[in-house]
Amino acid sequence: MCAVCEETVVRSSGESAPVYRCKSMRHISRRVDPIDEWVEEVALAALSKPGAAALWSTVDVTEALARADDLRTQLAELDEDYARMPRDRWRAINDRLQAELADAESQLSVAAPDAPIVKVATAKNPRKVFKALTIPQRRNIIDTIMEVRIHSPGRGNRTFNRDTVVCTPKEPK
């Protein structure tokens, strides 16, 4: 968003590189790359904080993930016991664990619109997961967690100054 007129910024082709311009075309014309890199750094820092997944999810993601991991471990251990256990008993236990795993996974999928945000926030390498997302998914995450206001750097200034791109955190819904 343009910090002057509060209009949405649009990406357009500049003389030498893509730029963000406010819709009024009067206030800002800023190179895309340094702004995107800075905004992504701020977003990843926010999503890397402990508890970020639970904060931005509609379900208790931490508990559901832990439960799903535990059930997968139990299923793997059950598979190892297959030869030492009566087949009908193994099948009954397997069916129960599979049903519980499906329930835990469905709890995670309840956060469907926020699923990419949950994947990034729970990843061991959030940057890698974030970079693997589509551009619309990345924009959705950024729009969900913060408001970005782009200020003019001043006339003739060609160096990027982080202070001219203000990322204000949003409250979870």
N, C-alpha and C. Protein backbone atom coordinates (compact mmCIF):
# COMPACT_ATOMS: atom_id res chain seq x y z
N MET A 1 0.85 -1.16 0.00
CA MET A 1 0.00 0.00 0.00
C MET A 1 0.90 1.24 0.00
N CYS A 2 0.49 2.22 -0.76
CA CYS A 2 1.21 3.49 -0.80
C CYS A 2 0.99 4.20 0.53
N ALA A 3 2.06 4.62 1.17
CA ALA A 3 1.96 5.29 2.46
C ALA A 3 1.41 6.71 2.34
N VAL A 4 1.42 7.28 1.14
CA VAL A 4 0.93 8.65 0.94
C VAL A 4 -0.58 8.66 0.71
N CYS A 5 -1.04 7.92 -0.31
CA CYS A 5 -2.47 7.96 -0.67
C CYS A 5 -3.26 6.74 -0.19
N GLU A 6 -2.56 5.76 0.36
CA GLU A 6 -3.16 4.52 0.86
C GLU A 6 -3.85 3.71 -0.23
N GLU A 7 -3.43 3.91 -1.48
CA GLU A 7 -3.91 3.10 -2.59
C GLU A 7 -3.05 1.83 -2.66
N THR A 8 -3.61 0.80 -3.25
CA THR A 8 -2.87 -0.43 -3.47
C THR A 8 -1.73 -0.15 -4.43
N VAL A 9 -0.60 -0.79 -4.19
CA VAL A 9 0.50 -0.65 -5.15
C VAL A 9 0.38 -1.77 -6.17
N VAL A 10 0.81 -1.48 -7.38
CA VAL A 10 0.80 -2.46 -8.46
C VAL A 10 2.21 -2.62 -8.99
N ARG A 11 2.47 -3.79 -9.46
CA ARG A 11 3.78 -4.07 -10.05
C ARG A 11 3.71 -3.71 -11.52
N SER A 12 4.70 -2.99 -11.98
CA SER A 12 4.76 -2.65 -13.40
C SER A 12 6.21 -2.70 -13.86
N SER A 13 6.40 -2.68 -15.15
CA SER A 13 7.77 -2.73 -15.66
C SER A 13 8.36 -1.32 -15.64
N GLY A 14 9.53 -1.23 -15.05
CA GLY A 14 10.23 0.05 -15.02
C GLY A 14 11.22 0.10 -16.18
N GLU A 15 12.03 1.14 -16.19
CA GLU A 15 13.01 1.28 -17.27
C GLU A 15 14.04 0.15 -17.25
N SER A 16 14.54 -0.19 -16.06
CA SER A 16 15.57 -1.22 -15.99
C SER A 16 15.15 -2.44 -15.17
N ALA A 17 14.09 -2.33 -14.36
CA ALA A 17 13.65 -3.43 -13.51
C ALA A 17 12.20 -3.21 -13.12
N PRO A 18 11.49 -4.27 -12.70
CA PRO A 18 10.11 -4.10 -12.25
C PRO A 18 10.04 -3.16 -11.05
N VAL A 19 8.94 -2.40 -10.97
CA VAL A 19 8.76 -1.45 -9.87
C VAL A 19 7.35 -1.58 -9.31
N TYR A 20 7.21 -1.12 -8.05
CA TYR A 20 5.89 -0.95 -7.45
C TYR A 20 5.52 0.52 -7.62
N ARG A 21 4.28 0.76 -8.05
CA ARG A 21 3.75 2.12 -8.18
C ARG A 21 2.39 2.13 -7.51
N CYS A 22 2.04 3.29 -6.91
CA CYS A 22 0.69 3.38 -6.38
C CYS A 22 -0.25 3.58 -7.55
N LYS A 23 -1.50 3.21 -7.37
CA LYS A 23 -2.46 3.29 -8.48
C LYS A 23 -2.63 4.72 -9.01
N SER A 24 -2.40 5.70 -8.15
CA SER A 24 -2.52 7.09 -8.61
C SER A 24 -1.37 7.48 -9.53
N MET A 25 -0.28 6.69 -9.50
CA MET A 25 0.93 6.94 -10.30
C MET A 25 1.61 8.25 -9.92
N ARG A 26 1.34 8.77 -8.74
CA ARG A 26 1.91 10.06 -8.34
C ARG A 26 2.96 9.98 -7.23
N HIS A 27 2.86 8.96 -6.39
CA HIS A 27 3.64 9.03 -5.16
C HIS A 27 4.87 8.14 -5.10
N ILE A 28 4.76 6.91 -5.48
CA ILE A 28 5.93 6.04 -5.38
C ILE A 28 6.18 5.28 -6.67
N SER A 29 7.44 5.01 -6.90
CA SER A 29 7.89 4.13 -7.96
C SER A 29 9.17 3.51 -7.40
N ARG A 30 9.03 2.31 -6.85
CA ARG A 30 10.13 1.65 -6.14
C ARG A 30 10.46 0.31 -6.76
N ARG A 31 11.74 -0.02 -6.82
CA ARG A 31 12.15 -1.32 -7.34
C ARG A 31 11.55 -2.44 -6.51
N VAL A 32 11.10 -3.48 -7.18
CA VAL A 32 10.41 -4.60 -6.54
C VAL A 32 11.34 -5.46 -5.68
N ASP A 33 12.48 -5.85 -6.22
CA ASP A 33 13.32 -6.84 -5.56
C ASP A 33 13.72 -6.51 -4.12
N PRO A 34 14.27 -5.33 -3.83
CA PRO A 34 14.66 -5.09 -2.43
C PRO A 34 13.45 -5.04 -1.49
N ILE A 35 12.33 -4.55 -1.98
CA ILE A 35 11.13 -4.49 -1.13
C ILE A 35 10.64 -5.91 -0.84
N ASP A 36 10.54 -6.73 -1.88
CA ASP A 36 10.09 -8.12 -1.68
C ASP A 36 11.02 -8.86 -0.72
N GLU A 37 12.32 -8.70 -0.89
CA GLU A 37 13.27 -9.38 -0.01
C GLU A 37 13.09 -8.95 1.44
N TRP A 38 12.92 -7.65 1.68
CA TRP A 38 12.75 -7.14 3.04
C TRP A 38 11.43 -7.64 3.65
N VAL A 39 10.35 -7.54 2.90
CA VAL A 39 9.04 -7.97 3.41
C VAL A 39 9.06 -9.47 3.71
N GLU A 40 9.68 -10.26 2.86
CA GLU A 40 9.79 -11.70 3.11
C GLU A 40 10.61 -11.98 4.36
N GLU A 41 11.68 -11.22 4.59
CA GLU A 41 12.48 -11.39 5.81
C GLU A 41 11.64 -11.13 7.05
N VAL A 42 10.86 -10.06 7.02
CA VAL A 42 10.00 -9.71 8.16
C VAL A 42 8.95 -10.79 8.38
N ALA A 43 8.34 -11.26 7.28
CA ALA A 43 7.31 -12.30 7.38
C ALA A 43 7.89 -13.60 7.94
N LEU A 44 9.05 -14.00 7.44
CA LEU A 44 9.67 -15.24 7.92
C LEU A 44 10.08 -15.13 9.38
N ALA A 45 10.54 -13.96 9.78
CA ALA A 45 10.89 -13.77 11.20
C ALA A 45 9.65 -13.93 12.07
N ALA A 46 8.52 -13.38 11.63
CA ALA A 46 7.28 -13.50 12.39
C ALA A 46 6.80 -14.95 12.43
N LEU A 47 6.89 -15.64 11.31
CA LEU A 47 6.40 -17.02 11.25
C LEU A 47 7.35 -18.02 11.88
N SER A 48 8.58 -17.62 12.14
CA SER A 48 9.55 -18.51 12.77
C SER A 48 9.49 -18.47 14.30
N LYS A 49 8.71 -17.55 14.82
CA LYS A 49 8.60 -17.45 16.28
C LYS A 49 7.83 -18.64 16.82
N PRO A 50 8.21 -19.10 18.03
CA PRO A 50 7.46 -20.21 18.63
C PRO A 50 5.98 -19.85 18.77
N GLY A 51 5.13 -20.79 18.43
CA GLY A 51 3.70 -20.57 18.56
C GLY A 51 3.04 -19.87 17.40
N ALA A 52 3.80 -19.54 16.35
CA ALA A 52 3.22 -18.81 15.21
C ALA A 52 2.14 -19.63 14.52
N ALA A 53 2.35 -20.93 14.37
CA ALA A 53 1.35 -21.77 13.69
C ALA A 53 0.04 -21.75 14.45
N ALA A 54 0.10 -21.89 15.75
CA ALA A 54 -1.13 -21.89 16.56
C ALA A 54 -1.81 -20.53 16.51
N LEU A 55 -1.02 -19.47 16.43
CA LEU A 55 -1.56 -18.12 16.40
C LEU A 55 -2.37 -17.87 15.13
N TRP A 56 -1.91 -18.41 14.01
CA TRP A 56 -2.54 -18.12 12.72
C TRP A 56 -3.43 -19.24 12.21
N SER A 57 -3.69 -20.23 13.02
CA SER A 57 -4.52 -21.34 12.60
C SER A 57 -5.86 -21.31 13.31
N THR A 58 -6.86 -21.91 12.71
CA THR A 58 -8.17 -21.99 13.34
C THR A 58 -8.28 -23.22 14.24
N VAL A 59 -7.28 -24.08 14.23
CA VAL A 59 -7.25 -25.25 15.11
C VAL A 59 -5.95 -25.24 15.89
N ASP A 60 -5.88 -26.07 16.92
CA ASP A 60 -4.64 -26.19 17.68
C ASP A 60 -3.67 -27.04 16.87
N VAL A 61 -2.91 -26.38 16.02
CA VAL A 61 -2.04 -27.06 15.08
C VAL A 61 -0.95 -27.85 15.80
N THR A 62 -0.39 -27.29 16.84
CA THR A 62 0.70 -27.96 17.55
C THR A 62 0.23 -29.30 18.08
N GLU A 63 -0.94 -29.31 18.70
CA GLU A 63 -1.48 -30.55 19.26
C GLU A 63 -1.83 -31.54 18.15
N ALA A 64 -2.46 -31.07 17.09
CA ALA A 64 -2.85 -31.95 15.98
C ALA A 64 -1.62 -32.53 15.28
N LEU A 65 -0.58 -31.72 15.09
CA LEU A 65 0.65 -32.22 14.47
C LEU A 65 1.32 -33.27 15.35
N ALA A 66 1.39 -33.00 16.65
CA ALA A 66 2.00 -33.95 17.58
C ALA A 66 1.21 -35.26 17.59
N ARG A 67 -0.11 -35.15 17.60
CA ARG A 67 -0.96 -36.35 17.60
C ARG A 67 -0.76 -37.14 16.31
N ALA A 68 -0.72 -36.47 15.17
CA ALA A 68 -0.52 -37.16 13.89
C ALA A 68 0.85 -37.84 13.85
N ASP A 69 1.88 -37.17 14.33
CA ASP A 69 3.21 -37.78 14.37
C ASP A 69 3.23 -39.00 15.27
N ASP A 70 2.58 -38.90 16.43
CA ASP A 70 2.51 -40.02 17.37
C ASP A 70 1.79 -41.21 16.73
N LEU A 71 0.69 -40.95 16.04
CA LEU A 71 -0.07 -42.03 15.39
C LEU A 71 0.73 -42.67 14.27
N ARG A 72 1.49 -41.89 13.52
CA ARG A 72 2.33 -42.46 12.45
C ARG A 72 3.40 -43.37 13.06
N THR A 73 3.95 -42.95 14.20
CA THR A 73 4.95 -43.78 14.90
C THR A 73 4.31 -45.08 15.36
N GLN A 74 3.12 -44.99 15.95
CA GLN A 74 2.42 -46.20 16.39
C GLN A 74 2.12 -47.14 15.24
N LEU A 75 1.73 -46.57 14.09
CA LEU A 75 1.46 -47.40 12.91
C LEU A 75 2.73 -48.09 12.41
N ALA A 76 3.86 -47.38 12.45
CA ALA A 76 5.13 -47.97 12.03
C ALA A 76 5.52 -49.11 12.97
N GLU A 77 5.33 -48.90 14.27
CA GLU A 77 5.64 -49.95 15.25
C GLU A 77 4.70 -51.15 15.08
N LEU A 78 3.44 -50.88 14.78
CA LEU A 78 2.48 -51.95 14.55
C LEU A 78 2.88 -52.78 13.34
N ASP A 79 3.35 -52.12 12.28
CA ASP A 79 3.80 -52.85 11.10
C ASP A 79 4.96 -53.79 11.42
N GLU A 80 5.83 -53.36 12.34
CA GLU A 80 6.95 -54.22 12.75
C GLU A 80 6.45 -55.45 13.51
N ASP A 81 5.31 -55.33 14.20
CA ASP A 81 4.74 -56.43 14.99
C ASP A 81 3.81 -57.32 14.19
N TYR A 82 3.64 -57.03 12.91
CA TYR A 82 2.67 -57.75 12.07
C TYR A 82 2.83 -59.27 12.16
N ALA A 83 4.05 -59.76 12.06
CA ALA A 83 4.29 -61.21 12.04
C ALA A 83 4.08 -61.86 13.41
N ARG A 84 4.15 -61.09 14.49
CA ARG A 84 4.06 -61.65 15.84
C ARG A 84 2.67 -61.55 16.45
N MET A 85 1.69 -61.12 15.68
CA MET A 85 0.37 -60.82 16.24
C MET A 85 -0.70 -61.48 15.37
N PRO A 86 -1.79 -61.94 15.98
CA PRO A 86 -2.88 -62.49 15.16
C PRO A 86 -3.38 -61.43 14.16
N ARG A 87 -3.66 -61.90 12.97
CA ARG A 87 -4.02 -61.00 11.87
C ARG A 87 -5.25 -60.15 12.18
N ASP A 88 -6.30 -60.73 12.78
CA ASP A 88 -7.51 -59.96 13.07
C ASP A 88 -7.26 -58.89 14.13
N ARG A 89 -6.40 -59.21 15.10
CA ARG A 89 -6.05 -58.20 16.12
C ARG A 89 -5.25 -57.06 15.48
N TRP A 90 -4.26 -57.42 14.64
CA TRP A 90 -3.46 -56.40 13.95
C TRP A 90 -4.36 -55.49 13.13
N ARG A 91 -5.32 -56.11 12.38
CA ARG A 91 -6.21 -55.33 11.52
C ARG A 91 -7.07 -54.37 12.35
N ALA A 92 -7.58 -54.83 13.49
CA ALA A 92 -8.42 -53.98 14.35
C ALA A 92 -7.63 -52.78 14.88
N ILE A 93 -6.40 -53.04 15.34
CA ILE A 93 -5.56 -51.95 15.86
C ILE A 93 -5.19 -51.00 14.72
N ASN A 94 -4.82 -51.55 13.57
CA ASN A 94 -4.45 -50.74 12.42
C ASN A 94 -5.62 -49.85 11.99
N ASP A 95 -6.81 -50.42 11.92
CA ASP A 95 -7.99 -49.65 11.51
C ASP A 95 -8.26 -48.51 12.49
N ARG A 96 -8.13 -48.78 13.79
CA ARG A 96 -8.37 -47.74 14.80
C ARG A 96 -7.34 -46.62 14.67
N LEU A 97 -6.06 -46.98 14.53
CA LEU A 97 -5.01 -45.96 14.39
C LEU A 97 -5.17 -45.17 13.10
N GLN A 98 -5.53 -45.84 12.00
CA GLN A 98 -5.74 -45.14 10.73
C GLN A 98 -6.90 -44.14 10.86
N ALA A 99 -7.97 -44.54 11.56
CA ALA A 99 -9.11 -43.63 11.75
C ALA A 99 -8.71 -42.43 12.59
N GLU A 100 -7.93 -42.66 13.65
CA GLU A 100 -7.47 -41.55 14.49
C GLU A 100 -6.54 -40.63 13.71
N LEU A 101 -5.68 -41.21 12.87
CA LEU A 101 -4.78 -40.39 12.04
C LEU A 101 -5.59 -39.56 11.05
N ALA A 102 -6.58 -40.14 10.44
CA ALA A 102 -7.44 -39.39 9.51
C ALA A 102 -8.12 -38.24 10.23
N ASP A 103 -8.55 -38.46 11.48
CA ASP A 103 -9.18 -37.39 12.25
C ASP A 103 -8.19 -36.27 12.55
N ALA A 104 -6.96 -36.62 12.97
CA ALA A 104 -5.94 -35.61 13.26
C ALA A 104 -5.60 -34.81 12.00
N GLU A 105 -5.49 -35.51 10.87
CA GLU A 105 -5.17 -34.82 9.62
C GLU A 105 -6.34 -33.94 9.15
N SER A 106 -7.56 -34.36 9.42
CA SER A 106 -8.70 -33.52 9.04
C SER A 106 -8.76 -32.26 9.90
N GLN A 107 -8.33 -32.37 11.17
CA GLN A 107 -8.26 -31.17 12.00
C GLN A 107 -7.27 -30.18 11.40
N LEU A 108 -6.16 -30.68 10.88
CA LEU A 108 -5.18 -29.80 10.25
C LEU A 108 -5.73 -29.19 8.97
N SER A 109 -6.53 -29.94 8.24
CA SER A 109 -7.06 -29.42 6.99
C SER A 109 -8.19 -28.43 7.19
N VAL A 110 -8.73 -28.33 8.42
CA VAL A 110 -9.76 -27.34 8.72
C VAL A 110 -9.22 -25.95 8.46
N ALA A 111 -7.94 -25.78 8.63
CA ALA A 111 -7.31 -24.49 8.41
C ALA A 111 -7.00 -24.30 6.93
N ALA A 112 -7.78 -24.89 6.05
CA ALA A 112 -7.50 -24.91 4.61
C ALA A 112 -7.04 -23.59 4.03
N PRO A 113 -7.76 -22.44 4.26
CA PRO A 113 -7.27 -21.22 3.66
C PRO A 113 -5.91 -20.80 4.21
N ASP A 114 -5.63 -21.22 5.43
CA ASP A 114 -4.37 -20.85 6.06
C ASP A 114 -3.33 -21.96 5.98
N ALA A 115 -3.61 -23.02 5.25
CA ALA A 115 -2.69 -24.15 5.21
C ALA A 115 -1.25 -23.75 4.85
N PRO A 116 -1.02 -22.93 3.83
CA PRO A 116 0.37 -22.56 3.53
C PRO A 116 1.04 -21.84 4.71
N ILE A 117 0.29 -21.01 5.39
CA ILE A 117 0.87 -20.29 6.53
C ILE A 117 1.26 -21.27 7.63
N VAL A 118 0.44 -22.30 7.83
CA VAL A 118 0.74 -23.31 8.84
C VAL A 118 1.96 -24.12 8.43
N LYS A 119 2.04 -24.47 7.14
CA LYS A 119 3.21 -25.22 6.66
C LYS A 119 4.50 -24.44 6.87
N VAL A 120 4.47 -23.15 6.58
CA VAL A 120 5.67 -22.32 6.76
C VAL A 120 6.01 -22.21 8.25
N ALA A 121 4.99 -21.95 9.08
CA ALA A 121 5.23 -21.72 10.51
C ALA A 121 5.68 -22.98 11.23
N THR A 122 5.35 -24.17 10.70
CA THR A 122 5.74 -25.41 11.38
C THR A 122 6.95 -26.09 10.73
N ALA A 123 7.47 -25.51 9.67
CA ALA A 123 8.58 -26.13 8.94
C ALA A 123 9.90 -26.01 9.69
N LYS A 124 10.75 -27.01 9.48
CA LYS A 124 12.10 -26.94 10.04
C LYS A 124 12.91 -25.86 9.33
N ASN A 125 12.61 -25.67 8.04
CA ASN A 125 13.26 -24.63 7.25
C ASN A 125 12.17 -23.76 6.61
N PRO A 126 11.64 -22.79 7.38
CA PRO A 126 10.53 -21.96 6.88
C PRO A 126 10.85 -21.25 5.57
N ARG A 127 12.08 -20.79 5.41
CA ARG A 127 12.47 -20.07 4.18
C ARG A 127 12.30 -20.97 2.95
N LYS A 128 12.75 -22.21 3.05
CA LYS A 128 12.65 -23.14 1.93
C LYS A 128 11.19 -23.40 1.58
N VAL A 129 10.35 -23.62 2.59
CA VAL A 129 8.93 -23.87 2.35
C VAL A 129 8.27 -22.63 1.76
N PHE A 130 8.60 -21.46 2.29
CA PHE A 130 8.02 -20.20 1.79
C PHE A 130 8.39 -19.99 0.33
N LYS A 131 9.67 -20.19 -0.01
CA LYS A 131 10.13 -19.98 -1.39
C LYS A 131 9.50 -20.98 -2.35
N ALA A 132 9.11 -22.16 -1.86
CA ALA A 132 8.49 -23.17 -2.72
C ALA A 132 7.02 -22.87 -3.01
N LEU A 133 6.42 -21.96 -2.26
CA LEU A 133 5.02 -21.60 -2.48
C LEU A 133 4.87 -20.76 -3.75
N THR A 134 3.67 -20.72 -4.26
CA THR A 134 3.40 -19.87 -5.42
C THR A 134 3.39 -18.41 -4.96
N ILE A 135 3.54 -17.50 -5.89
CA ILE A 135 3.52 -16.07 -5.55
C ILE A 135 2.19 -15.68 -4.91
N PRO A 136 1.04 -16.13 -5.43
CA PRO A 136 -0.21 -15.78 -4.75
C PRO A 136 -0.29 -16.32 -3.31
N GLN A 137 0.25 -17.51 -3.07
CA GLN A 137 0.26 -18.05 -1.70
C GLN A 137 1.14 -17.20 -0.79
N ARG A 138 2.29 -16.77 -1.30
CA ARG A 138 3.17 -15.91 -0.49
C ARG A 138 2.49 -14.59 -0.19
N ARG A 139 1.85 -13.99 -1.20
CA ARG A 139 1.15 -12.73 -0.98
C ARG A 139 0.03 -12.89 0.04
N ASN A 140 -0.69 -14.01 -0.05
CA ASN A 140 -1.77 -14.28 0.89
C ASN A 140 -1.24 -14.35 2.32
N ILE A 141 -0.13 -15.02 2.51
CA ILE A 141 0.48 -15.12 3.84
C ILE A 141 0.86 -13.73 4.34
N ILE A 142 1.53 -12.97 3.50
CA ILE A 142 1.97 -11.63 3.91
C ILE A 142 0.76 -10.75 4.22
N ASP A 143 -0.27 -10.80 3.37
CA ASP A 143 -1.48 -10.02 3.62
C ASP A 143 -2.20 -10.45 4.89
N THR A 144 -2.07 -11.72 5.24
CA THR A 144 -2.72 -12.24 6.45
C THR A 144 -2.03 -11.75 7.71
N ILE A 145 -0.72 -11.72 7.70
CA ILE A 145 0.00 -11.43 8.96
C ILE A 145 0.45 -9.99 9.13
N MET A 146 0.46 -9.20 8.05
CA MET A 146 0.94 -7.82 8.21
C MET A 146 0.39 -6.89 7.14
N GLU A 147 0.47 -5.62 7.44
CA GLU A 147 0.15 -4.58 6.46
C GLU A 147 1.47 -3.95 6.05
N VAL A 148 1.68 -3.80 4.76
CA VAL A 148 2.93 -3.24 4.25
C VAL A 148 2.63 -1.87 3.65
N ARG A 149 3.33 -0.86 4.16
CA ARG A 149 3.20 0.51 3.62
C ARG A 149 4.55 0.92 3.05
N ILE A 150 4.50 1.35 1.79
CA ILE A 150 5.73 1.73 1.10
C ILE A 150 5.77 3.25 1.02
N HIS A 151 6.82 3.82 1.60
CA HIS A 151 7.04 5.27 1.59
C HIS A 151 7.98 5.63 0.45
N SER A 152 7.93 6.85 0.05
CA SER A 152 8.88 7.35 -0.95
C SER A 152 10.26 7.43 -0.29
N PRO A 153 11.30 7.04 -1.00
CA PRO A 153 12.65 7.11 -0.41
C PRO A 153 13.22 8.53 -0.46
N GLY A 154 12.53 9.41 -1.11
CA GLY A 154 13.04 10.77 -1.30
C GLY A 154 13.53 10.94 -2.72
N ARG A 155 13.48 12.14 -3.21
CA ARG A 155 13.84 12.43 -4.59
C ARG A 155 15.30 12.09 -4.88
N GLY A 156 15.49 11.31 -5.94
CA GLY A 156 16.85 10.99 -6.39
C GLY A 156 17.56 9.91 -5.58
N ASN A 157 16.94 9.41 -4.53
CA ASN A 157 17.59 8.39 -3.69
C ASN A 157 17.48 7.03 -4.37
N ARG A 158 18.59 6.37 -4.61
CA ARG A 158 18.59 5.09 -5.31
C ARG A 158 18.97 3.91 -4.42
N THR A 159 19.31 4.16 -3.16
CA THR A 159 19.67 3.07 -2.26
C THR A 159 18.45 2.67 -1.44
N PHE A 160 18.35 1.38 -1.16
CA PHE A 160 17.21 0.87 -0.42
C PHE A 160 17.38 1.15 1.07
N ASN A 161 16.35 1.69 1.67
CA ASN A 161 16.33 1.96 3.10
C ASN A 161 15.14 1.22 3.70
N ARG A 162 15.43 0.27 4.59
CA ARG A 162 14.36 -0.54 5.19
C ARG A 162 13.32 0.30 5.91
N ASP A 163 13.71 1.44 6.40
CA ASP A 163 12.77 2.29 7.14
C ASP A 163 11.66 2.85 6.25
N THR A 164 11.85 2.78 4.94
CA THR A 164 10.83 3.31 4.03
C THR A 164 9.78 2.25 3.65
N VAL A 165 9.95 1.04 4.17
CA VAL A 165 8.96 -0.03 3.96
C VAL A 165 8.55 -0.50 5.35
N VAL A 166 7.36 -0.10 5.77
CA VAL A 166 6.90 -0.36 7.13
C VAL A 166 5.95 -1.55 7.13
N CYS A 167 6.33 -2.58 7.89
CA CYS A 167 5.52 -3.80 8.00
C CYS A 167 4.88 -3.81 9.39
N THR A 168 3.57 -3.64 9.43
CA THR A 168 2.85 -3.59 10.71
C THR A 168 2.11 -4.91 10.91
N PRO A 169 2.39 -5.62 12.00
CA PRO A 169 1.71 -6.90 12.24
C PRO A 169 0.21 -6.73 12.39
N LYS A 170 -0.55 -7.70 11.89
CA LYS A 170 -2.00 -7.73 12.06
C LYS A 170 -2.33 -8.69 13.19
N GLU A 171 -3.47 -8.48 13.80
CA GLU A 171 -3.95 -9.38 14.84
C GLU A 171 -4.60 -10.59 14.19
N PRO A 172 -4.36 -11.78 14.73
CA PRO A 172 -5.05 -12.97 14.19
C PRO A 172 -6.55 -12.84 14.37
N LYS A 173 -7.30 -13.42 13.44
CA LYS A 173 -8.77 -13.36 13.51
C LYS A 173 -9.30 -14.48 14.35
